[in-house]
Protein backbone atom coordinates (compact mmCIF):
# COMPACT_ATOMS: atom_id res chain seq x y z
CA MET A 1 78.00 98.10 94.42
CA SER A 2 78.98 101.77 94.81
CA GLY A 3 79.09 104.35 91.53
CA LYS A 4 81.06 107.21 90.95
CA LEU A 5 83.03 108.61 94.40
CA ARG A 6 83.47 112.33 95.31
CA LEU A 7 87.67 111.88 96.68
CA ALA A 8 90.87 113.26 97.61
CA PHE A 9 93.55 111.62 95.87
CA MET A 10 96.82 112.13 98.31
CA GLY A 11 100.10 110.60 97.35
CA SER A 12 103.32 112.73 95.73
CA PRO A 13 105.98 110.04 94.14
CA ASP A 14 106.44 108.17 90.85
CA PHE A 15 104.52 105.12 92.51
CA SER A 16 101.38 107.42 92.97
CA VAL A 17 100.62 108.28 89.76
CA PRO A 18 99.00 105.47 87.96
CA ALA A 19 96.37 105.53 90.94
CA LEU A 20 95.47 108.64 90.56
CA ARG A 21 95.09 108.68 86.28
CA ALA A 22 92.59 105.10 87.29
CA LEU A 23 91.14 106.32 89.55
CA HIS A 24 90.46 109.88 87.50
CA ALA A 25 90.05 107.37 83.87
CA ALA A 26 86.93 105.51 85.61
CA GLY A 27 85.26 109.06 86.31
CA HIS A 28 85.14 109.19 90.20
CA GLU A 29 85.22 113.37 91.43
CA VAL A 30 88.53 113.83 91.79
CA ALA A 31 88.23 117.68 93.85
CA ALA A 32 91.54 118.26 95.28
CA VAL A 33 95.10 116.34 95.13
CA TYR A 34 97.23 116.48 98.24
CA THR A 35 100.98 116.38 97.77
CA GLN A 36 104.19 117.46 98.88
CA PRO A 37 105.04 120.80 98.29
CA PRO A 38 107.32 121.69 94.96
CA ARG A 39 111.11 121.44 96.36
CA PRO A 40 114.65 122.75 95.13
CA SER A 41 115.73 120.24 92.58
CA GLY A 42 118.77 120.42 89.82
CA ARG A 43 122.36 122.34 89.49
CA GLY A 44 119.53 125.67 89.46
CA GLN A 45 117.77 124.81 92.54
CA ARG A 46 114.68 125.52 91.14
CA GLU A 47 111.66 124.64 92.80
CA THR A 48 110.24 121.50 90.95
CA PRO A 49 106.75 119.79 91.32
CA CYS A 50 106.76 115.81 92.48
CA PRO A 51 105.31 113.61 89.89
CA VAL A 52 102.15 113.50 91.72
CA HIS A 53 101.49 116.92 91.41
CA ARG A 54 102.60 117.60 87.26
CA ALA A 55 100.57 114.57 86.69
CA ALA A 56 97.04 116.44 88.25
CA LEU A 57 98.03 119.65 86.73
CA ASP A 58 97.94 117.74 83.05
CA LEU A 59 94.87 116.04 84.54
CA GLY A 60 93.40 120.01 84.86
CA LEU A 61 93.06 118.74 88.81
CA PRO A 62 93.42 121.13 91.20
CA VAL A 63 96.49 121.04 93.54
CA ARG A 64 97.03 121.45 97.14
CA HIS A 65 100.35 120.93 98.56
CA PRO A 66 100.79 121.93 102.70
CA ALA A 67 104.47 122.01 104.36
CA ARG A 68 102.37 120.48 107.32
CA VAL A 69 98.69 118.83 108.15
CA ARG A 70 98.80 117.30 111.26
CA ARG A 71 98.64 120.21 113.81
CA ASP A 72 97.25 123.17 111.18
CA THR A 73 93.02 123.56 112.01
CA ALA A 74 92.44 125.76 108.62
CA GLU A 75 93.77 122.31 107.40
CA HIS A 76 91.81 120.34 108.19
CA ALA A 77 88.58 122.78 108.30
CA ALA A 78 89.54 123.69 103.98
CA PHE A 79 89.52 118.80 104.06
CA ARG A 80 85.80 118.51 105.64
CA ALA A 81 84.31 121.31 103.37
CA LEU A 82 85.57 118.68 100.34
CA ASP A 83 82.52 116.77 101.54
CA LEU A 84 83.94 114.00 100.42
CA ASP A 85 82.88 109.98 100.06
CA VAL A 86 86.27 109.22 100.41
CA ALA A 87 90.49 109.59 99.77
CA VAL A 88 92.78 107.95 98.54
CA VAL A 89 96.25 107.87 99.97
CA ALA A 90 99.55 106.44 97.87
CA ALA A 91 102.90 107.46 99.24
CA TYR A 92 102.04 110.70 100.38
CA GLY A 93 104.64 111.78 102.69
CA LEU A 94 102.63 112.98 106.07
CA ILE A 95 100.92 111.95 109.01
CA LEU A 96 97.08 112.45 108.89
CA PRO A 97 95.56 113.67 111.72
CA PRO A 98 92.28 112.22 112.92
CA ALA A 99 90.49 114.92 112.08
CA MET A 100 91.22 114.67 108.27
CA LEU A 101 91.29 110.65 108.68
CA GLU A 102 87.23 110.96 109.94
CA ALA A 103 86.37 113.26 107.56
CA PRO A 104 85.59 111.44 104.54
CA ARG A 105 82.36 109.57 104.35
CA ARG A 106 84.04 106.63 103.88
CA GLY A 107 87.26 107.13 105.55
CA CYS A 108 90.86 107.42 104.17
CA LEU A 109 91.88 104.55 101.94
CA ASN A 110 96.23 103.58 101.30
CA ILE A 111 97.84 101.70 99.04
CA HIS A 112 100.39 100.04 101.07
CA ALA A 113 102.82 97.81 98.55
CA SER A 114 103.63 95.19 101.12
CA LEU A 115 101.42 92.07 102.84
CA LEU A 116 100.63 93.49 105.33
CA PRO A 117 100.96 93.65 108.66
CA ARG A 118 104.92 92.37 106.89
CA TRP A 119 106.41 95.57 106.15
CA ARG A 120 104.42 98.20 107.50
CA GLY A 121 106.34 101.44 106.93
CA ALA A 122 108.78 103.96 104.66
CA GLY A 123 110.44 101.24 102.56
CA PRO A 124 108.37 98.16 102.22
CA ILE A 125 109.00 97.84 98.67
CA GLN A 126 113.05 97.87 99.48
CA ALA A 127 112.84 95.84 102.68
CA ALA A 128 111.28 92.89 101.22
CA ILE A 129 113.95 92.28 98.56
CA LEU A 130 116.67 93.14 101.63
CA ALA A 131 115.40 90.10 103.96
CA GLY A 132 114.67 88.02 100.61
CA ASP A 133 111.16 87.43 100.79
CA ALA A 134 109.62 85.11 98.15
CA GLU A 135 106.75 87.28 97.48
CA THR A 136 105.15 90.78 98.37
CA GLY A 137 102.27 92.77 96.91
CA ILE A 138 99.80 95.42 97.60
CA THR A 139 96.66 95.69 100.52
CA ILE A 140 94.53 98.69 100.58
CA MET A 141 93.80 99.47 104.20
CA ARG A 142 91.68 102.33 105.81
CA MET A 143 93.75 104.37 108.04
CA GLU A 144 93.63 105.11 111.50
CA GLU A 145 95.96 106.95 113.76
CA GLY A 146 98.52 103.78 114.16
CA LEU A 147 101.74 103.59 111.37
CA ASP A 148 100.01 100.94 108.61
CA THR A 149 97.93 99.35 111.20
CA GLY A 150 94.57 99.52 109.85
CA PRO A 151 92.00 96.85 109.03
CA MET A 152 92.95 95.35 105.47
CA LEU A 153 90.34 95.94 102.64
CA LEU A 154 91.86 93.66 99.76
CA LYS A 155 95.12 92.72 98.99
CA ASP A 156 97.70 90.84 95.38
CA ARG A 157 100.48 89.03 95.75
CA VAL A 158 103.97 89.48 93.04
CA PRO A 159 106.54 86.92 93.22
CA ILE A 160 109.77 88.24 94.00
CA GLY A 161 112.43 86.92 91.37
CA PRO A 162 115.74 86.70 92.40
CA ARG A 163 117.31 88.76 89.88
CA ASP A 164 114.29 91.37 90.52
CA GLY A 165 114.99 95.18 91.58
CA THR A 166 113.78 97.80 93.20
CA PRO A 167 112.55 99.36 89.74
CA ALA A 168 110.84 96.33 88.32
CA LEU A 169 108.85 95.63 91.47
CA HIS A 170 107.91 99.01 92.11
CA ASP A 171 106.63 99.63 88.55
CA ALA A 172 104.46 96.30 88.71
CA LEU A 173 103.29 97.51 92.15
CA ALA A 174 102.31 100.91 91.16
CA ALA A 175 99.72 99.37 88.37
CA MET A 176 98.59 96.55 90.96
CA GLY A 177 97.81 99.28 93.07
CA ALA A 178 96.33 101.53 90.59
CA GLY A 179 93.74 98.45 90.03
CA LEU A 180 93.22 97.15 93.37
CA ILE A 181 92.16 100.97 94.33
CA LEU A 182 89.06 100.80 92.29
CA ARG A 183 87.78 97.67 92.95
CA ALA A 184 88.55 98.45 96.45
CA LEU A 185 86.08 101.76 95.83
CA GLU A 186 83.30 99.86 93.63
CA GLU A 187 82.95 96.48 95.70
CA ASP A 188 83.14 98.40 99.20
CA PRO A 189 84.37 95.00 100.95
CA GLU A 190 84.50 94.69 104.35
CA ALA A 191 87.47 95.89 106.68
CA VAL A 192 89.49 92.83 108.12
CA PRO A 193 91.62 93.18 110.73
CA GLN A 194 95.56 92.62 110.67
CA PRO A 195 96.27 90.03 111.94
CA GLU A 196 98.77 90.42 115.41
CA GLU A 197 101.36 87.72 114.52
CA GLY A 198 104.41 88.60 111.63
CA VAL A 199 104.31 91.91 112.06
CA THR A 200 107.55 94.26 110.40
CA TYR A 201 108.40 97.54 110.16
CA ALA A 202 110.47 98.61 106.80
CA PRO A 203 112.48 101.76 108.05
CA LYS A 204 113.05 104.92 106.79
CA LEU A 205 116.39 104.28 104.56
CA THR A 206 119.03 107.12 104.63
CA LYS A 207 122.49 106.91 102.49
CA ALA A 208 124.33 105.12 105.02
CA ASP A 209 121.98 102.46 104.40
CA GLY A 210 123.67 101.62 101.29
CA ARG A 211 126.90 101.42 101.93
CA LEU A 212 128.67 97.43 101.21
CA ASP A 213 129.70 95.48 103.87
CA TRP A 214 131.92 92.96 102.86
CA ALA A 215 132.45 90.71 105.63
CA GLU A 216 128.25 89.99 104.76
CA ASP A 217 127.91 87.51 102.63
CA ALA A 218 127.71 87.68 98.44
CA ALA A 219 123.41 86.59 98.44
CA ALA A 220 122.47 89.55 101.54
CA LEU A 221 125.05 91.90 99.59
CA ASP A 222 123.26 91.16 96.41
CA ARG A 223 119.78 92.40 97.50
CA ARG A 224 120.79 95.40 99.28
CA VAL A 225 122.99 96.40 95.27
CA ARG A 226 119.68 95.67 94.04
CA ALA A 227 117.09 96.78 96.67
CA LEU A 228 118.29 99.74 97.21
CA ASN A 229 119.16 100.82 93.68
CA PRO A 230 117.93 103.45 92.01
CA TRP A 231 118.46 105.58 96.04
CA PRO A 232 119.73 105.66 98.35
CA GLY A 233 122.39 103.41 96.10
CA THR A 234 124.69 101.25 97.54
CA PHE A 235 128.85 101.65 97.48
CA PHE A 236 131.90 101.24 98.61
CA GLN A 237 135.25 103.77 99.29
CA HIS A 238 138.31 103.27 97.40
CA GLY A 239 140.94 106.24 96.93
CA GLY A 240 139.08 108.10 98.88
CA GLU A 241 136.16 107.82 96.74
CA ALA A 242 133.17 106.78 96.90
CA ILE A 243 132.39 104.27 94.46
CA ARG A 244 128.90 103.46 93.36
CA VAL A 245 128.03 99.61 92.61
CA LEU A 246 124.71 99.90 90.62
CA ALA A 247 124.45 96.20 89.73
CA ALA A 248 126.26 92.99 90.96
CA GLU A 249 125.39 89.42 91.03
CA PRO A 250 126.84 86.09 93.34
CA ALA A 251 130.01 84.74 91.98
CA GLU A 252 132.28 81.95 92.52
CA GLY A 253 133.49 81.95 96.40
CA ALA A 254 137.01 82.32 97.31
CA PRO A 255 136.57 80.32 100.93
CA GLU A 256 140.26 81.88 102.14
CA ALA A 257 140.21 85.08 100.89
CA ALA A 258 140.00 87.77 103.43
CA PRO A 259 136.31 90.32 102.33
CA GLY A 260 137.04 92.63 100.72
CA THR A 261 139.94 91.52 98.89
CA VAL A 262 139.97 91.98 94.40
CA LEU A 263 140.16 88.62 93.21
CA ASP A 264 139.93 88.74 89.42
CA GLY A 265 139.92 91.22 86.66
CA ALA A 266 135.98 91.03 86.88
CA PRO A 267 135.90 91.94 89.58
CA ARG A 268 135.04 89.98 91.83
CA ILE A 269 135.21 90.92 95.38
CA ALA A 270 135.61 88.30 97.88
CA CYS A 271 132.66 88.17 100.66
CA GLY A 272 132.38 86.75 104.24
CA GLY A 273 131.69 83.10 104.61
CA GLY A 274 133.67 82.35 101.76
CA THR A 275 131.01 83.85 99.12
CA ALA A 276 132.58 86.04 96.41
CA LEU A 277 130.53 88.82 95.03
CA ARG A 278 130.70 90.00 90.64
CA LEU A 279 130.57 93.74 90.11
CA THR A 280 128.89 94.47 86.55
CA THR A 281 127.71 98.06 87.11
CA LEU A 282 129.89 101.23 88.73
CA GLN A 283 130.35 104.77 88.80
CA ARG A 284 132.62 107.47 90.17
CA PRO A 285 131.60 110.77 91.96
CA GLY A 286 130.68 113.26 88.51
CA ARG A 287 131.02 110.17 86.12
CA GLY A 288 128.44 108.06 84.22
CA PRO A 289 127.49 104.58 84.77
CA LEU A 290 130.08 102.06 82.86
CA PRO A 291 130.00 98.40 82.74
CA ALA A 292 132.72 96.85 84.72
CA ALA A 293 134.91 96.38 81.66
CA ASP A 294 134.94 100.22 80.90
CA PHE A 295 135.07 101.11 84.87
CA LEU A 296 138.29 98.69 84.99
CA ARG A 297 140.49 100.90 82.57
CA GLY A 298 140.06 104.07 84.15
CA PHE A 299 140.08 103.10 87.51
CA PRO A 300 141.93 99.83 88.47
CA LEU A 301 141.14 97.05 91.43
CA PRO A 302 144.45 94.90 90.74
CA SER A 303 144.01 91.35 92.70
CA GLY A 304 145.17 91.18 95.77
CA MET A 305 143.85 94.31 96.73
CA VAL A 306 141.65 94.71 100.18
CA LEU A 307 139.12 97.24 99.33
CA GLY A 308 138.04 99.35 102.63
């Protein structure tokens, strides 16, 4: 069993905040919090700290936000000088060099939102939904130079329900990760190498990934809508606008209709394989989200129209 540890926490988005708060509440000494630098945000493009930065300030913890760390030897020295037992990393966003990975006595432990070795990489939650996986989870891994290749300390699992989307799964996994990292620090379990079989990679997402291709079947498009909202968002082009689809569901199909055909006023859209997708929440650029019925009153999609 391990006592209270001196550690650094390295993370940036909302996903990382529960773990930081849990480590602080458990009495571990958080010597420094590393985050991405503040970036311009909003209409005024004001410099805005990331969620972990804000949480650290609320907790009275020292924050460091170097723009880069890989080749910055001064940052390596400053990190070593912290004299850490361990570093906890959760969606930090920068690649750590060997000089930093090897500095803490117990190394750097990563909270990864998948059941490794499945879905190594940047978007594991979205990748699991897109693929139709029945479950996902959290892996606590000791970091090494490879991309999410390090040995595993602990795992926990959560089912992916048929209507689960990224927001709900994100929050469940963030809470799970907070509890699991506390266990890993307390129990110091033996690290087990990842199996060579079953390796998959979750690529970094872009806005282009959100374009809906009506030639896909409705089940795949439904997963895309659930996986890629709120970011990067899913959309189709019509009338010179990118219409966002915030929610949808598979519906009764129309085997004879060409993909992209508006089938009725629900609206149901014909998809590949004779399937159909019902669009339930839509949004025009610069407008607020609307239920489909309200949206169509101001932006009609007549039956028989073929969407781009």
